[in-house]
């Protein structure tokens, strides 16, 4: 009697979801959107603009910030490839509450609110990916608040550099940062440019980063964040 060839077990739902390629999915005709190119420093949208699209970063990076009546800017977040932003319109936001600016030459997919809602309703894998992203983003905002309240500016800078380098991200972390100024880093962590310069030089001397115009982050920078 011949041995029967073992039948391969079906892939689990969890594995299928984990391997879901958002970039490839959005590139298909199933989700229609407008692809737009932005130069470094170009405004993607401004405070007060009509909020009617969700944006997905295919390439590059974007800074989201607010400016008060006195003209002082505060950086709220920085996003990179595979990130969504501008999703407030899906929760009833009529106008943009912040401005978005391209940090590097960037390619974005602009998806109309109604089209995004349709896609999330029809495509469960995309819906799962989007919900997971939103929950992760919420946790990140809470961690940022705790960071601002309890951690030193040195730890805040180290954590911000690791986040910008996408350390620990499953879909291919980037260790080299997009070009970002010390002024922007200071705005993000709530300190002065001189303090950022001091800590950047310290991190470089300790071998935690490479810094010669562009910033390359090494895993050893984690020691600053984890050190009590």
C-alpha atoms as a PDB file:
ATOM      1  CA  UNK A   1       0.000   0.000   0.000  1.00  0.00           C
ATOM      2  CA  UNK A   2       1.385   3.328  -1.075  1.00  0.00           C
ATOM      3  CA  UNK A   3       1.897   5.994   1.521  1.00  0.00           C
ATOM      4  CA  UNK A   4      -0.510   8.830   1.132  1.00  0.00           C
ATOM      5  CA  UNK A   5       1.014  12.222   0.464  1.00  0.00           C
ATOM      6  CA  UNK A   6       0.405  14.420   3.495  1.00  0.00           C
ATOM      7  CA  UNK A   7      -2.125  17.124   2.866  1.00  0.00           C
ATOM      8  CA  UNK A   8      -0.837  20.615   3.588  1.00  0.00           C
ATOM      9  CA  UNK A   9      -2.770  22.339   6.335  1.00  0.00           C
ATOM     10  CA  UNK A  10      -4.541  25.552   5.392  1.00  0.00           C
ATOM     11  CA  UNK A  11      -2.858  28.727   6.514  1.00  0.00           C
ATOM     12  CA  UNK A  12      -4.397  30.188   9.620  1.00  0.00           C
ATOM     13  CA  UNK A  13      -6.405  33.365   9.535  1.00  0.00           C
ATOM     14  CA  UNK A  14      -3.843  35.049  11.761  1.00  0.00           C
ATOM     15  CA  UNK A  15      -1.013  34.274   9.330  1.00  0.00           C
ATOM     16  CA  UNK A  16      -3.038  35.499   6.392  1.00  0.00           C
ATOM     17  CA  UNK A  17      -3.818  38.759   8.162  1.00  0.00           C
ATOM     18  CA  UNK A  18      -0.187  39.240   9.248  1.00  0.00           C
ATOM     19  CA  UNK A  19       1.013  38.882   5.682  1.00  0.00           C
ATOM     20  CA  UNK A  20      -1.546  41.317   4.278  1.00  0.00           C
ATOM     21  CA  UNK A  21       0.226  43.860   2.078  1.00  0.00           C
ATOM     22  CA  UNK A  22      -1.554  47.192   2.497  1.00  0.00           C
ATOM     23  CA  UNK A  23       0.581  48.900  -0.131  1.00  0.00           C
ATOM     24  CA  UNK A  24      -0.190  46.275  -2.763  1.00  0.00           C
ATOM     25  CA  UNK A  25      -3.853  46.191  -1.819  1.00  0.00           C
ATOM     26  CA  UNK A  26      -4.330  49.949  -2.126  1.00  0.00           C
ATOM     27  CA  UNK A  27      -2.510  49.897  -5.466  1.00  0.00           C
ATOM     28  CA  UNK A  28      -5.239  47.733  -6.974  1.00  0.00           C
ATOM     29  CA  UNK A  29      -8.443  49.014  -8.547  1.00  0.00           C
ATOM     30  CA  UNK A  30     -10.404  47.932  -5.501  1.00  0.00           C
ATOM     31  CA  UNK A  31      -9.508  51.187  -3.734  1.00  0.00           C
ATOM     32  CA  UNK A  32      -9.538  54.187  -6.014  1.00  0.00           C
ATOM     33  CA  UNK A  33      -7.535  57.237  -5.057  1.00  0.00           C
ATOM     34  CA  UNK A  34      -5.368  59.991  -6.423  1.00  0.00           C
ATOM     35  CA  UNK A  35      -1.591  59.621  -6.297  1.00  0.00           C
ATOM     36  CA  UNK A  36       0.123  62.935  -5.584  1.00  0.00           C
ATOM     37  CA  UNK A  37       3.800  63.896  -5.487  1.00  0.00           C
ATOM     38  CA  UNK A  38       5.108  66.512  -3.029  1.00  0.00           C
ATOM     39  CA  UNK A  39       8.465  68.262  -2.907  1.00  0.00           C
ATOM     40  CA  UNK A  40      10.425  68.566   0.328  1.00  0.00           C
ATOM     41  CA  UNK A  41       8.852  71.373   2.385  1.00  0.00           C
ATOM     42  CA  UNK A  42       5.659  71.461   0.309  1.00  0.00           C
ATOM     43  CA  UNK A  43       2.341  71.760   2.159  1.00  0.00           C
ATOM     44  CA  UNK A  44       0.104  68.695   1.870  1.00  0.00           C
ATOM     45  CA  UNK A  45      -2.773  70.407   3.665  1.00  0.00           C
ATOM     46  CA  UNK A  46      -3.090  73.383   6.032  1.00  0.00           C
ATOM     47  CA  UNK A  47      -5.012  74.124   9.212  1.00  0.00           C
ATOM     48  CA  UNK A  48      -8.559  75.084   8.267  1.00  0.00           C
ATOM     49  CA  UNK A  49      -8.576  73.222   4.937  1.00  0.00           C
ATOM     50  CA  UNK A  50     -11.603  71.075   4.192  1.00  0.00           C
ATOM     51  CA  UNK A  51     -11.107  67.556   5.570  1.00  0.00           C
ATOM     52  CA  UNK A  52     -12.413  65.073   3.022  1.00  0.00           C
ATOM     53  CA  UNK A  53      -9.568  62.603   2.348  1.00  0.00           C
ATOM     54  CA  UNK A  54      -7.529  59.982   4.158  1.00  0.00           C
ATOM     55  CA  UNK A  55      -3.877  59.942   3.099  1.00  0.00           C
ATOM     56  CA  UNK A  56      -1.526  56.968   2.816  1.00  0.00           C
ATOM     57  CA  UNK A  57       2.236  57.407   2.464  1.00  0.00           C
ATOM     58  CA  UNK A  58       3.712  55.280  -0.318  1.00  0.00           C
ATOM     59  CA  UNK A  59       7.139  56.935  -0.187  1.00  0.00           C
ATOM     60  CA  UNK A  60       8.755  59.715   1.838  1.00  0.00           C
ATOM     61  CA  UNK A  61       7.735  61.349   5.110  1.00  0.00           C
ATOM     62  CA  UNK A  62       5.286  63.921   6.444  1.00  0.00           C
ATOM     63  CA  UNK A  63       5.295  66.256   9.442  1.00  0.00           C
ATOM     64  CA  UNK A  64       1.988  67.204  11.100  1.00  0.00           C
ATOM     65  CA  UNK A  65       2.063  70.411  13.137  1.00  0.00           C
ATOM     66  CA  UNK A  66      -0.043  73.246  14.550  1.00  0.00           C
ATOM     67  CA  UNK A  67       0.702  76.953  14.757  1.00  0.00           C
ATOM     68  CA  UNK A  68      -0.734  79.235  17.441  1.00  0.00           C
ATOM     69  CA  UNK A  69      -1.838  82.860  17.081  1.00  0.00           C
ATOM     70  CA  UNK A  70       1.686  84.043  17.904  1.00  0.00           C
ATOM     71  CA  UNK A  71       3.144  81.971  15.068  1.00  0.00           C
ATOM     72  CA  UNK A  72       4.801  79.351  17.291  1.00  0.00           C
ATOM     73  CA  UNK A  73       4.812  75.871  15.736  1.00  0.00           C
ATOM     74  CA  UNK A  74       4.418  72.600  17.621  1.00  0.00           C
ATOM     75  CA  UNK A  75       5.085  69.297  15.852  1.00  0.00           C
ATOM     76  CA  UNK A  76       2.400  66.735  16.716  1.00  0.00           C
ATOM     77  CA  UNK A  77       3.633  63.743  14.744  1.00  0.00           C
ATOM     78  CA  UNK A  78       5.841  62.530  11.930  1.00  0.00           C
ATOM     79  CA  UNK A  79       4.750  59.781   9.545  1.00  0.00           C
ATOM     80  CA  UNK A  80       6.601  57.566   7.082  1.00  0.00           C
ATOM     81  CA  UNK A  81       6.004  54.858   4.462  1.00  0.00           C
ATOM     82  CA  UNK A  82       2.927  52.633   5.072  1.00  0.00           C
ATOM     83  CA  UNK A  83       1.403  55.160   7.511  1.00  0.00           C
ATOM     84  CA  UNK A  84      -2.103  56.605   7.225  1.00  0.00           C
ATOM     85  CA  UNK A  85      -2.913  60.137   8.380  1.00  0.00           C
ATOM     86  CA  UNK A  86      -5.719  62.690   8.012  1.00  0.00           C
ATOM     87  CA  UNK A  87      -8.238  60.090   9.190  1.00  0.00           C
ATOM     88  CA  UNK A  88     -10.118  62.636  11.339  1.00  0.00           C
ATOM     89  CA  UNK A  89     -12.528  63.239   8.459  1.00  0.00           C
ATOM     90  CA  UNK A  90     -13.912  59.726   8.991  1.00  0.00           C
ATOM     91  CA  UNK A  91     -15.006  60.680  12.516  1.00  0.00           C
ATOM     92  CA  UNK A  92     -16.873  63.792  11.382  1.00  0.00           C
ATOM     93  CA  UNK A  93     -13.998  66.301  11.334  1.00  0.00           C
ATOM     94  CA  UNK A  94     -14.992  68.983   8.809  1.00  0.00           C
ATOM     95  CA  UNK A  95     -11.703  70.922   8.616  1.00  0.00           C
ATOM     96  CA  UNK A  96      -8.067  70.065   9.228  1.00  0.00           C
ATOM     97  CA  UNK A  97      -7.017  70.810  12.791  1.00  0.00           C
ATOM     98  CA  UNK A  98      -3.310  70.780  11.882  1.00  0.00           C
ATOM     99  CA  UNK A  99      -1.046  71.249   8.886  1.00  0.00           C
ATOM    100  CA  UNK A 100       0.898  68.524   7.065  1.00  0.00           C
ATOM    101  CA  UNK A 101       4.218  69.182   5.315  1.00  0.00           C
ATOM    102  CA  UNK A 102       6.423  66.847   3.270  1.00  0.00           C
ATOM    103  CA  UNK A 103       9.743  66.212   5.040  1.00  0.00           C
ATOM    104  CA  UNK A 104      11.288  64.636   1.928  1.00  0.00           C
ATOM    105  CA  UNK A 105      10.109  64.154  -1.662  1.00  0.00           C
ATOM    106  CA  UNK A 106       6.977  62.111  -0.988  1.00  0.00           C
ATOM    107  CA  UNK A 107       4.368  60.073  -2.834  1.00  0.00           C
ATOM    108  CA  UNK A 108       0.938  59.971  -1.213  1.00  0.00           C
ATOM    109  CA  UNK A 109      -2.298  58.220  -2.046  1.00  0.00           C
ATOM    110  CA  UNK A 110      -5.307  60.482  -1.385  1.00  0.00           C
ATOM    111  CA  UNK A 111      -8.479  58.479  -0.751  1.00  0.00           C
ATOM    112  CA  UNK A 112     -11.851  60.227  -0.575  1.00  0.00           C
ATOM    113  CA  UNK A 113     -13.703  59.691   2.706  1.00  0.00           C
ATOM    114  CA  UNK A 114     -16.647  57.861   1.070  1.00  0.00           C
ATOM    115  CA  UNK A 115     -14.310  55.599  -0.910  1.00  0.00           C
ATOM    116  CA  UNK A 116     -12.331  54.737   2.237  1.00  0.00           C
ATOM    117  CA  UNK A 117     -15.534  53.906   4.114  1.00  0.00           C
ATOM    118  CA  UNK A 118     -16.672  51.686   1.226  1.00  0.00           C
ATOM    119  CA  UNK A 119     -13.343  49.868   1.099  1.00  0.00           C
ATOM    120  CA  UNK A 120     -13.299  49.286   4.869  1.00  0.00           C
ATOM    121  CA  UNK A 121     -16.847  47.932   4.708  1.00  0.00           C
ATOM    122  CA  UNK A 122     -16.186  45.625   1.738  1.00  0.00           C
ATOM    123  CA  UNK A 123     -12.620  44.477   2.436  1.00  0.00           C
ATOM    124  CA  UNK A 124     -12.260  42.902   5.854  1.00  0.00           C
ATOM    125  CA  UNK A 125      -8.493  42.489   5.649  1.00  0.00           C
ATOM    126  CA  UNK A 126      -8.047  46.192   4.964  1.00  0.00           C
ATOM    127  CA  UNK A 127     -10.477  46.994   7.768  1.00  0.00           C
ATOM    128  CA  UNK A 128      -8.483  44.842  10.218  1.00  0.00           C
ATOM    129  CA  UNK A 129      -5.222  46.492   9.137  1.00  0.00           C
ATOM    130  CA  UNK A 130      -6.669  49.999   9.443  1.00  0.00           C
ATOM    131  CA  UNK A 131      -8.223  49.388  12.880  1.00  0.00           C
ATOM    132  CA  UNK A 132      -4.944  47.925  14.115  1.00  0.00           C
ATOM    133  CA  UNK A 133      -3.091  50.969  12.798  1.00  0.00           C
ATOM    134  CA  UNK A 134      -5.514  53.390  14.499  1.00  0.00           C
ATOM    135  CA  UNK A 135      -5.257  51.578  17.849  1.00  0.00           C
ATOM    136  CA  UNK A 136      -1.465  51.533  17.609  1.00  0.00           C
ATOM    137  CA  UNK A 137      -1.504  55.253  16.840  1.00  0.00           C
ATOM    138  CA  UNK A 138      -3.738  55.920  19.883  1.00  0.00           C
ATOM    139  CA  UNK A 139      -1.302  54.033  22.114  1.00  0.00           C
ATOM    140  CA  UNK A 140       1.567  56.051  20.619  1.00  0.00           C
ATOM    141  CA  UNK A 141      -0.218  59.335  21.457  1.00  0.00           C
ATOM    142  CA  UNK A 142      -0.732  58.213  25.054  1.00  0.00           C
ATOM    143  CA  UNK A 143       2.921  57.205  25.320  1.00  0.00           C
ATOM    144  CA  UNK A 144       3.948  60.596  23.926  1.00  0.00           C
ATOM    145  CA  UNK A 145       1.927  62.316  26.661  1.00  0.00           C
ATOM    146  CA  UNK A 146       3.525  60.205  29.397  1.00  0.00           C
ATOM    147  CA  UNK A 147       6.918  60.881  27.806  1.00  0.00           C
ATOM    148  CA  UNK A 148       6.356  64.649  27.933  1.00  0.00           C
ATOM    149  CA  UNK A 149       5.131  64.568  31.550  1.00  0.00           C
ATOM    150  CA  UNK A 150       7.655  62.257  33.164  1.00  0.00           C
ATOM    151  CA  UNK A 151      10.804  61.790  31.082  1.00  0.00           C
ATOM    152  CA  UNK A 152      13.856  63.993  30.682  1.00  0.00           C
ATOM    153  CA  UNK A 153      14.488  65.785  27.383  1.00  0.00           C
ATOM    154  CA  UNK A 154      17.406  63.389  26.747  1.00  0.00           C
ATOM    155  CA  UNK A 155      15.120  60.339  26.985  1.00  0.00           C
ATOM    156  CA  UNK A 156      12.430  62.074  24.922  1.00  0.00           C
ATOM    157  CA  UNK A 157      14.944  62.768  22.164  1.00  0.00           C
ATOM    158  CA  UNK A 158      16.238  59.179  22.196  1.00  0.00           C
ATOM    159  CA  UNK A 159      12.685  57.795  21.997  1.00  0.00           C
ATOM    160  CA  UNK A 160      11.771  60.188  19.196  1.00  0.00           C
ATOM    161  CA  UNK A 161      14.838  59.190  17.153  1.00  0.00           C
ATOM    162  CA  UNK A 162      13.987  55.499  17.576  1.00  0.00           C
ATOM    163  CA  UNK A 163      10.392  56.125  16.509  1.00  0.00           C
ATOM    164  CA  UNK A 164      11.475  58.136  13.481  1.00  0.00           C
ATOM    165  CA  UNK A 165      13.852  55.310  12.528  1.00  0.00           C
ATOM    166  CA  UNK A 166      10.808  53.017  12.763  1.00  0.00           C
ATOM    167  CA  UNK A 167      12.608  50.776  15.211  1.00  0.00           C
ATOM    168  CA  UNK A 168      10.668  47.585  15.890  1.00  0.00           C
ATOM    169  CA  UNK A 169       8.212  48.024  13.025  1.00  0.00           C
ATOM    170  CA  UNK A 170       7.429  44.646  11.485  1.00  0.00           C
ATOM    171  CA  UNK A 171       7.229  45.715   7.848  1.00  0.00           C
ATOM    172  CA  UNK A 172      10.873  46.656   7.403  1.00  0.00           C
ATOM    173  CA  UNK A 173      12.171  49.268   9.864  1.00  0.00           C
ATOM    174  CA  UNK A 174      14.227  52.143   8.537  1.00  0.00           C
ATOM    175  CA  UNK A 175      17.356  52.858  10.533  1.00  0.00           C
ATOM    176  CA  UNK A 176      18.268  55.979   8.496  1.00  0.00           C
ATOM    177  CA  UNK A 177      16.037  58.971   9.215  1.00  0.00           C
ATOM    178  CA  UNK A 178      14.581  61.302   6.633  1.00  0.00           C
ATOM    179  CA  UNK A 179      16.287  64.680   6.778  1.00  0.00           C
ATOM    180  CA  UNK A 180      14.975  66.423   9.883  1.00  0.00           C
ATOM    181  CA  UNK A 181      16.334  69.591  11.465  1.00  0.00           C
ATOM    182  CA  UNK A 182      17.319  70.075  15.084  1.00  0.00           C
ATOM    183  CA  UNK A 183      14.650  72.788  15.287  1.00  0.00           C
ATOM    184  CA  UNK A 184      11.984  70.225  14.322  1.00  0.00           C
ATOM    185  CA  UNK A 185      13.304  67.721  16.861  1.00  0.00           C
ATOM    186  CA  UNK A 186      13.217  70.439  19.527  1.00  0.00           C
ATOM    187  CA  UNK A 187       9.583  71.232  18.648  1.00  0.00           C
ATOM    188  CA  UNK A 188       8.683  67.553  18.877  1.00  0.00           C
ATOM    189  CA  UNK A 189      10.110  66.971  22.340  1.00  0.00           C
ATOM    190  CA  UNK A 190       9.418  70.381  23.849  1.00  0.00           C
ATOM    191  CA  UNK A 191      12.928  71.705  24.422  1.00  0.00           C
ATOM    192  CA  UNK A 192      15.435  74.075  22.826  1.00  0.00           C
ATOM    193  CA  UNK A 193      17.599  73.536  19.762  1.00  0.00           C
ATOM    194  CA  UNK A 194      20.753  73.966  21.882  1.00  0.00           C
ATOM    195  CA  UNK A 195      19.692  71.077  24.139  1.00  0.00           C
ATOM    196  CA  UNK A 196      18.977  68.883  21.109  1.00  0.00           C
ATOM    197  CA  UNK A 197      22.408  69.752  19.676  1.00  0.00           C
ATOM    198  CA  UNK A 198      24.073  68.856  23.003  1.00  0.00           C
ATOM    199  CA  UNK A 199      22.367  65.450  23.222  1.00  0.00           C
ATOM    200  CA  UNK A 200      22.885  64.651  19.524  1.00  0.00           C
ATOM    201  CA  UNK A 201      26.624  65.211  19.933  1.00  0.00           C
ATOM    202  CA  UNK A 202      26.584  63.087  23.099  1.00  0.00           C
ATOM    203  CA  UNK A 203      24.751  60.225  21.320  1.00  0.00           C
ATOM    204  CA  UNK A 204      27.225  60.421  18.449  1.00  0.00           C
ATOM    205  CA  UNK A 205      30.263  60.269  20.736  1.00  0.00           C
ATOM    206  CA  UNK A 206      28.782  57.232  22.513  1.00  0.00           C
ATOM    207  CA  UNK A 207      28.217  55.498  19.171  1.00  0.00           C
ATOM    208  CA  UNK A 208      24.424  55.445  19.483  1.00  0.00           C
ATOM    209  CA  UNK A 209      23.921  57.376  16.240  1.00  0.00           C
ATOM    210  CA  UNK A 210      25.810  58.441  13.132  1.00  0.00           C
ATOM    211  CA  UNK A 211      25.247  62.097  12.438  1.00  0.00           C
ATOM    212  CA  UNK A 212      26.731  63.935   9.480  1.00  0.00           C
ATOM    213  CA  UNK A 213      23.773  65.789   8.008  1.00  0.00           C
ATOM    214  CA  UNK A 214      21.773  62.566   7.831  1.00  0.00           C
ATOM    215  CA  UNK A 215      20.998  60.613  10.983  1.00  0.00           C
ATOM    216  CA  UNK A 216      21.470  56.855  11.313  1.00  0.00           C
ATOM    217  CA  UNK A 217      20.161  55.283  14.497  1.00  0.00           C
ATOM    218  CA  UNK A 218      21.726  52.229  16.140  1.00  0.00           C
ATOM    219  CA  UNK A 219      19.918  49.764  18.399  1.00  0.00           C
ATOM    220  CA  UNK A 220      22.218  50.760  21.269  1.00  0.00           C
ATOM    221  CA  UNK A 221      20.268  54.044  21.598  1.00  0.00           C
ATOM    222  CA  UNK A 222      17.649  51.956  23.424  1.00  0.00           C
ATOM    223  CA  UNK A 223      19.920  52.025  26.484  1.00  0.00           C
ATOM    224  CA  UNK A 224      19.116  55.730  26.958  1.00  0.00           C
ATOM    225  CA  UNK A 225      15.368  55.049  26.941  1.00  0.00           C
ATOM    226  CA  UNK A 226      15.576  51.990  29.201  1.00  0.00           C
ATOM    227  CA  UNK A 227      18.081  53.461  31.667  1.00  0.00           C
ATOM    228  CA  UNK A 228      16.540  54.602  34.950  1.00  0.00           C
END
